[in-house]
Protein backbone atom coordinates (compact mmCIF):
# COMPACT_ATOMS: atom_id res chain seq x y z
CA MET A 1 -15.62 -62.21 -41.03
CA ILE A 2 -14.73 -64.72 -37.78
CA ALA A 3 -17.93 -62.90 -36.12
CA ALA A 4 -20.44 -64.13 -38.63
CA ALA A 5 -18.39 -67.28 -38.63
CA THR A 6 -18.63 -68.13 -35.24
CA LYS A 7 -22.07 -66.86 -34.14
CA GLU A 8 -24.05 -69.66 -34.80
CA PRO A 9 -21.89 -72.14 -32.55
CA ILE A 10 -21.68 -69.53 -30.06
CA TYR A 11 -25.29 -68.71 -29.97
CA LYS A 12 -25.69 -72.46 -29.82
CA LEU A 13 -22.94 -74.13 -27.62
CA GLY A 14 -23.18 -70.84 -25.07
CA GLY A 15 -27.04 -71.41 -24.49
CA GLY A 16 -27.55 -75.42 -24.83
CA PHE A 17 -26.71 -75.51 -21.50
CA MET A 18 -29.90 -73.81 -20.60
CA ILE A 19 -32.32 -76.20 -22.04
CA SER A 20 -30.05 -79.15 -20.73
CA ARG A 21 -30.92 -82.31 -18.49
CA GLU A 22 -28.19 -80.13 -16.25
CA ALA A 23 -30.38 -77.33 -15.98
CA LYS A 24 -33.90 -79.35 -15.57
CA ALA A 25 -32.34 -80.84 -12.67
CA PHE A 26 -30.98 -77.38 -11.25
CA SER A 27 -34.50 -75.83 -11.68
CA GLU A 28 -36.16 -78.89 -10.00
CA GLU A 29 -33.72 -78.23 -6.91
CA THR A 30 -34.33 -75.05 -6.34
CA GLY A 31 -37.93 -76.07 -6.03
CA LEU A 32 -39.27 -72.93 -8.36
CA SER A 33 -41.10 -73.08 -11.51
CA GLY A 34 -41.02 -70.81 -14.63
CA TRP A 35 -38.29 -68.14 -15.67
CA GLY A 36 -37.40 -67.69 -12.08
CA PRO A 37 -34.32 -70.08 -11.72
CA TYR A 38 -33.21 -69.09 -15.31
CA PHE A 39 -32.76 -65.37 -14.20
CA ARG A 40 -31.66 -65.82 -10.81
CA GLY A 41 -28.98 -68.50 -12.46
CA ARG A 42 -28.03 -66.43 -15.39
CA CYS A 43 -28.41 -62.90 -14.11
CA GLY A 44 -27.57 -63.67 -10.16
CA VAL A 45 -23.80 -61.92 -11.68
CA LEU A 46 -25.33 -58.48 -11.24
CA GLY A 47 -26.08 -58.86 -7.59
CA GLU A 48 -29.59 -58.24 -5.66
CA VAL A 49 -30.43 -55.83 -7.71
CA ASP A 50 -34.18 -53.95 -8.91
CA ALA A 51 -35.63 -56.21 -11.03
CA ASP A 52 -35.26 -53.42 -14.00
CA VAL A 53 -31.47 -53.67 -13.47
CA VAL A 54 -31.99 -57.62 -14.94
CA ALA A 55 -34.89 -56.45 -17.52
CA ALA A 56 -32.39 -53.91 -18.77
CA ALA A 57 -29.95 -56.61 -19.29
CA VAL A 58 -31.69 -59.49 -20.92
CA GLY A 59 -33.51 -57.07 -23.19
CA PHE A 60 -36.02 -59.61 -25.00
CA PHE A 61 -38.38 -60.23 -22.13
CA PRO A 62 -41.02 -58.11 -20.83
CA PRO A 63 -40.09 -56.07 -18.16
CA GLN A 64 -43.37 -57.32 -16.08
CA VAL A 65 -42.28 -61.30 -16.64
CA VAL A 66 -38.74 -59.99 -15.51
CA ARG A 67 -40.02 -58.82 -12.19
CA ASP A 68 -42.46 -60.94 -11.52
CA GLN A 69 -40.33 -63.84 -11.94
CA TRP A 70 -37.08 -62.29 -10.68
CA GLU A 71 -38.99 -60.98 -7.07
CA ALA A 72 -41.02 -64.89 -7.20
CA ALA A 73 -36.91 -66.09 -6.98
CA ARG A 74 -35.79 -63.98 -4.08
CA SER A 75 -35.31 -66.97 -2.17
CA LEU A 76 -32.40 -67.91 -4.40
CA PRO A 77 -29.44 -65.45 -3.10
CA ALA A 78 -28.11 -64.13 -6.17
CA ALA A 79 -24.07 -65.04 -6.13
CA GLU A 80 -24.82 -68.26 -4.72
CA THR A 81 -27.30 -69.20 -7.74
CA ALA A 82 -24.68 -67.97 -10.41
CA THR A 83 -22.25 -70.13 -9.39
CA ARG A 84 -24.55 -72.70 -9.05
CA TYR A 85 -25.61 -71.70 -13.11
CA ALA A 86 -21.81 -71.75 -13.79
CA ARG A 87 -21.49 -75.43 -12.76
CA VAL A 88 -24.61 -76.21 -15.05
CA ALA A 89 -22.50 -74.89 -17.86
CA ALA A 90 -19.29 -76.58 -17.06
CA ASP A 91 -21.17 -79.89 -15.90
CA PHE A 92 -22.95 -79.86 -19.58
CA GLY A 93 -19.65 -79.35 -21.03
CA ARG A 94 -18.02 -82.08 -19.68
CA ARG A 95 -20.86 -84.32 -20.85
CA LYS A 96 -21.45 -83.39 -24.09
CA LEU A 97 -17.90 -82.42 -25.04
CA ALA A 98 -16.25 -85.93 -23.87
CA ASP A 99 -15.32 -86.75 -27.70
CA LEU A 100 -13.39 -83.74 -28.10
CA PRO A 101 -9.98 -84.21 -27.68
CA ASP A 102 -7.47 -82.92 -25.18
CA LYS A 103 -5.66 -81.02 -27.28
CA GLU A 104 -8.45 -79.49 -29.24
CA ALA A 105 -10.64 -78.61 -25.86
CA GLU A 106 -7.41 -76.99 -24.53
CA ARG A 107 -6.64 -74.89 -27.45
CA LEU A 108 -10.58 -73.82 -27.66
CA ALA A 109 -10.55 -72.96 -24.28
CA SER A 110 -7.13 -70.68 -24.77
CA LEU A 111 -8.77 -68.76 -27.83
CA LEU A 112 -12.06 -68.05 -26.13
CA GLU A 113 -9.86 -66.94 -23.25
CA THR A 114 -8.09 -64.35 -25.34
CA VAL A 115 -11.10 -63.41 -27.02
CA CYS A 116 -12.93 -62.60 -23.78
CA ASP A 117 -10.34 -60.81 -21.77
CA SER A 118 -9.45 -58.71 -24.62
CA ALA A 119 -13.06 -57.52 -25.22
CA ASP A 120 -14.65 -54.36 -24.10
CA PRO A 121 -17.51 -54.76 -21.36
CA VAL A 122 -19.32 -51.45 -22.47
CA ALA A 123 -22.94 -52.07 -23.10
CA ALA A 124 -22.91 -56.05 -22.03
CA PRO A 125 -23.35 -55.75 -17.91
CA LEU A 126 -23.84 -59.79 -18.15
CA PHE A 127 -20.93 -60.11 -20.11
CA ALA A 128 -18.73 -58.32 -17.94
CA GLY A 129 -20.19 -60.31 -14.67
CA TRP A 130 -20.28 -63.78 -16.15
CA ARG A 131 -16.06 -62.86 -17.18
CA ALA A 132 -15.41 -61.93 -13.41
CA MET A 133 -16.91 -65.25 -12.26
CA PRO A 134 -14.24 -68.37 -11.83
CA ARG A 135 -13.84 -70.20 -14.76
CA PRO A 136 -13.76 -74.33 -14.74
CA ALA A 137 -10.08 -75.76 -14.43
CA ASP A 138 -10.83 -78.50 -16.84
CA PRO A 139 -11.14 -77.52 -20.53
CA ARG A 140 -14.38 -79.15 -21.12
CA GLY A 141 -15.92 -77.33 -18.63
CA ARG A 142 -14.08 -73.90 -19.37
CA VAL A 143 -15.19 -74.30 -23.05
CA ILE A 144 -18.77 -73.70 -22.29
CA HIS A 145 -18.34 -71.57 -19.86
CA LEU A 146 -16.27 -69.07 -21.75
CA VAL A 147 -18.73 -69.57 -25.02
CA HIS A 148 -21.44 -68.43 -22.63
CA VAL A 149 -19.41 -65.35 -21.71
CA LEU A 150 -18.49 -64.46 -24.99
CA ARG A 151 -22.64 -65.42 -26.33
CA GLU A 152 -23.25 -62.90 -23.42
CA LEU A 153 -21.14 -60.22 -25.26
CA ARG A 154 -22.59 -60.95 -28.31
CA GLY A 155 -26.11 -60.52 -26.23
CA GLY A 156 -25.35 -56.97 -24.72
CA LEU A 157 -24.20 -55.77 -28.42
CA HIS A 158 -27.39 -57.27 -29.89
CA ILE A 159 -29.56 -55.16 -27.85
CA VAL A 160 -27.92 -52.35 -28.62
CA ALA A 161 -28.24 -53.01 -32.55
CA VAL A 162 -31.68 -53.77 -32.15
CA LEU A 163 -32.42 -50.58 -30.83
CA ALA A 164 -30.35 -48.70 -33.35
CA THR A 165 -32.29 -49.77 -36.05
CA GLY A 166 -35.22 -48.74 -34.59
CA LEU A 167 -36.80 -51.96 -33.66
CA THR A 168 -38.59 -52.98 -30.03
CA PRO A 169 -37.54 -55.86 -28.20
CA LEU A 170 -41.05 -57.27 -29.42
CA GLU A 171 -40.33 -56.95 -33.01
CA SER A 172 -37.27 -58.33 -32.97
CA VAL A 173 -38.10 -61.78 -31.13
CA LEU A 174 -41.35 -62.03 -33.98
CA SER A 175 -38.78 -61.35 -36.59
CA THR A 176 -36.37 -63.89 -35.47
CA ALA A 177 -36.73 -66.99 -37.85
CA ASP A 178 -33.46 -68.05 -37.91
CA ASN A 179 -32.13 -68.84 -34.43
CA PRO A 180 -31.46 -72.54 -33.92
CA LEU A 181 -32.80 -72.87 -30.32
CA MET A 182 -35.96 -70.67 -30.53
CA GLN A 183 -39.06 -71.29 -32.16
CA PRO A 184 -39.68 -69.11 -34.92
CA GLY A 185 -41.93 -65.63 -34.35
CA GLU A 186 -45.28 -65.83 -32.41
CA THR A 187 -44.54 -68.95 -31.08
CA ASN A 188 -41.38 -67.36 -28.87
CA ALA A 189 -43.27 -64.26 -28.04
CA GLU A 190 -45.57 -66.29 -26.59
CA TYR A 191 -42.91 -68.54 -24.52
CA PHE A 192 -41.20 -65.25 -23.53
CA GLY A 193 -44.52 -64.11 -22.16
CA TRP A 194 -45.23 -61.07 -24.38
CA ALA A 195 -48.91 -60.70 -24.45
CA ARG A 196 -51.10 -60.85 -27.25
CA PRO A 197 -51.98 -59.14 -30.53
CA TYR A 198 -48.46 -58.84 -31.65
CA PRO A 199 -47.62 -56.28 -34.61
CA GLU A 200 -47.32 -57.26 -37.79
CA VAL A 201 -44.00 -58.23 -39.04
CA THR A 202 -43.73 -56.49 -41.97
CA ALA A 203 -41.07 -56.27 -44.90
CA GLU A 204 -39.26 -53.38 -43.45
CA VAL A 205 -39.58 -54.65 -39.99
CA ARG A 206 -37.79 -57.80 -41.38
CA ALA A 207 -34.94 -55.72 -42.96
CA ARG A 208 -34.31 -54.05 -39.72
CA ARG A 209 -33.56 -57.34 -37.96
CA GLN A 210 -31.60 -58.00 -40.82
CA ARG A 211 -29.37 -54.93 -40.69
CA ALA A 212 -29.46 -55.35 -36.13
CA GLU A 213 -27.73 -58.93 -36.82
CA GLU A 214 -25.24 -57.22 -39.38
CA LEU A 215 -24.27 -54.59 -37.05
CA THR A 216 -23.91 -57.13 -34.51
CA ASP A 217 -21.22 -58.28 -36.40
CA THR A 218 -19.23 -54.94 -36.40
CA LEU A 219 -19.95 -54.38 -32.70
CA ILE A 220 -18.37 -57.82 -31.72
CA SER A 221 -15.81 -57.74 -34.29
CA PRO A 222 -12.93 -55.98 -32.25
CA ALA A 223 -13.27 -58.59 -29.46
CA PHE A 224 -11.44 -60.54 -32.16
CA ALA A 225 -8.82 -58.64 -32.74
CA ALA A 226 -6.16 -60.32 -30.20
CA LEU A 227 -5.99 -62.93 -32.43
CA ASP A 228 -4.04 -63.42 -35.65
CA GLU A 229 -5.15 -65.04 -38.75
CA ALA A 230 -4.12 -68.61 -37.71
CA ASP A 231 -5.89 -68.09 -34.51
CA ARG A 232 -9.15 -66.89 -36.17
CA ASN A 233 -9.07 -69.75 -38.37
CA ASP A 234 -8.55 -72.43 -35.68
CA LEU A 235 -11.72 -70.38 -33.31
CA ALA A 236 -14.04 -71.00 -36.09
CA GLU A 237 -12.70 -74.48 -36.84
CA LEU A 238 -12.70 -75.80 -33.20
CA LEU A 239 -16.17 -74.06 -32.69
CA ALA A 240 -17.94 -75.79 -35.60
CA LYS A 241 -16.11 -79.16 -34.23
CA ALA A 242 -17.12 -78.74 -30.55
CA ASP A 243 -20.87 -77.32 -32.38
CA LYS A 244 -20.94 -80.84 -34.53
CA ILE A 245 -20.19 -82.98 -31.68
CA VAL A 246 -22.95 -81.69 -29.36
CA PHE A 247 -25.58 -80.90 -31.56
CA GLY A 248 -24.80 -83.25 -34.46
């Protein structure tokens, strides 16, 4: 299944820029610390909304942490900060994908555009917001921008899947042990700002977490329907190649 085959490179490539040197420079430029620059950058596409709207969109952070950080960064205009954050993603792509040949970068960007432009935005507000953002003209910057857009689609649908399987957001974070960009379990929950004590991660919780992952694959699969079999194979191969170039 194309959704399962591409989920890891989508997650890594679409989120890697958030912990890059470009992102660090962006945070330092704002003069703010903590999650504020991240929330205003990633969620600025939602506009100057109440923090509960942001908490609803990001899903896996404690609502009070979202509110505190969103309000602390109010000095950063939402739309302007989202634009600056998009530039972080594009600059990361230009630097890290320098070894991806031009023809392959163009092909990957084109395939990603097809998927993003044909996908249903229901239940994925950050996907909808990022899809509406201007796209970089150069293919390497556009690849990372569009992988991030697609990552936001998967992220929104994953929140739906988690809730549908009876997990709480905290249980989902605690039971995540296979995420290549996150520390497992309690370390990640603490990083996100969840307060202790944490509930036990039982076998049932882990089983539900696995079902949520499978349901996410099912929910996002229609987004790839615009691609024929050859396109899907190319997408999977090029994402894997880009992933290897960026992360080794």
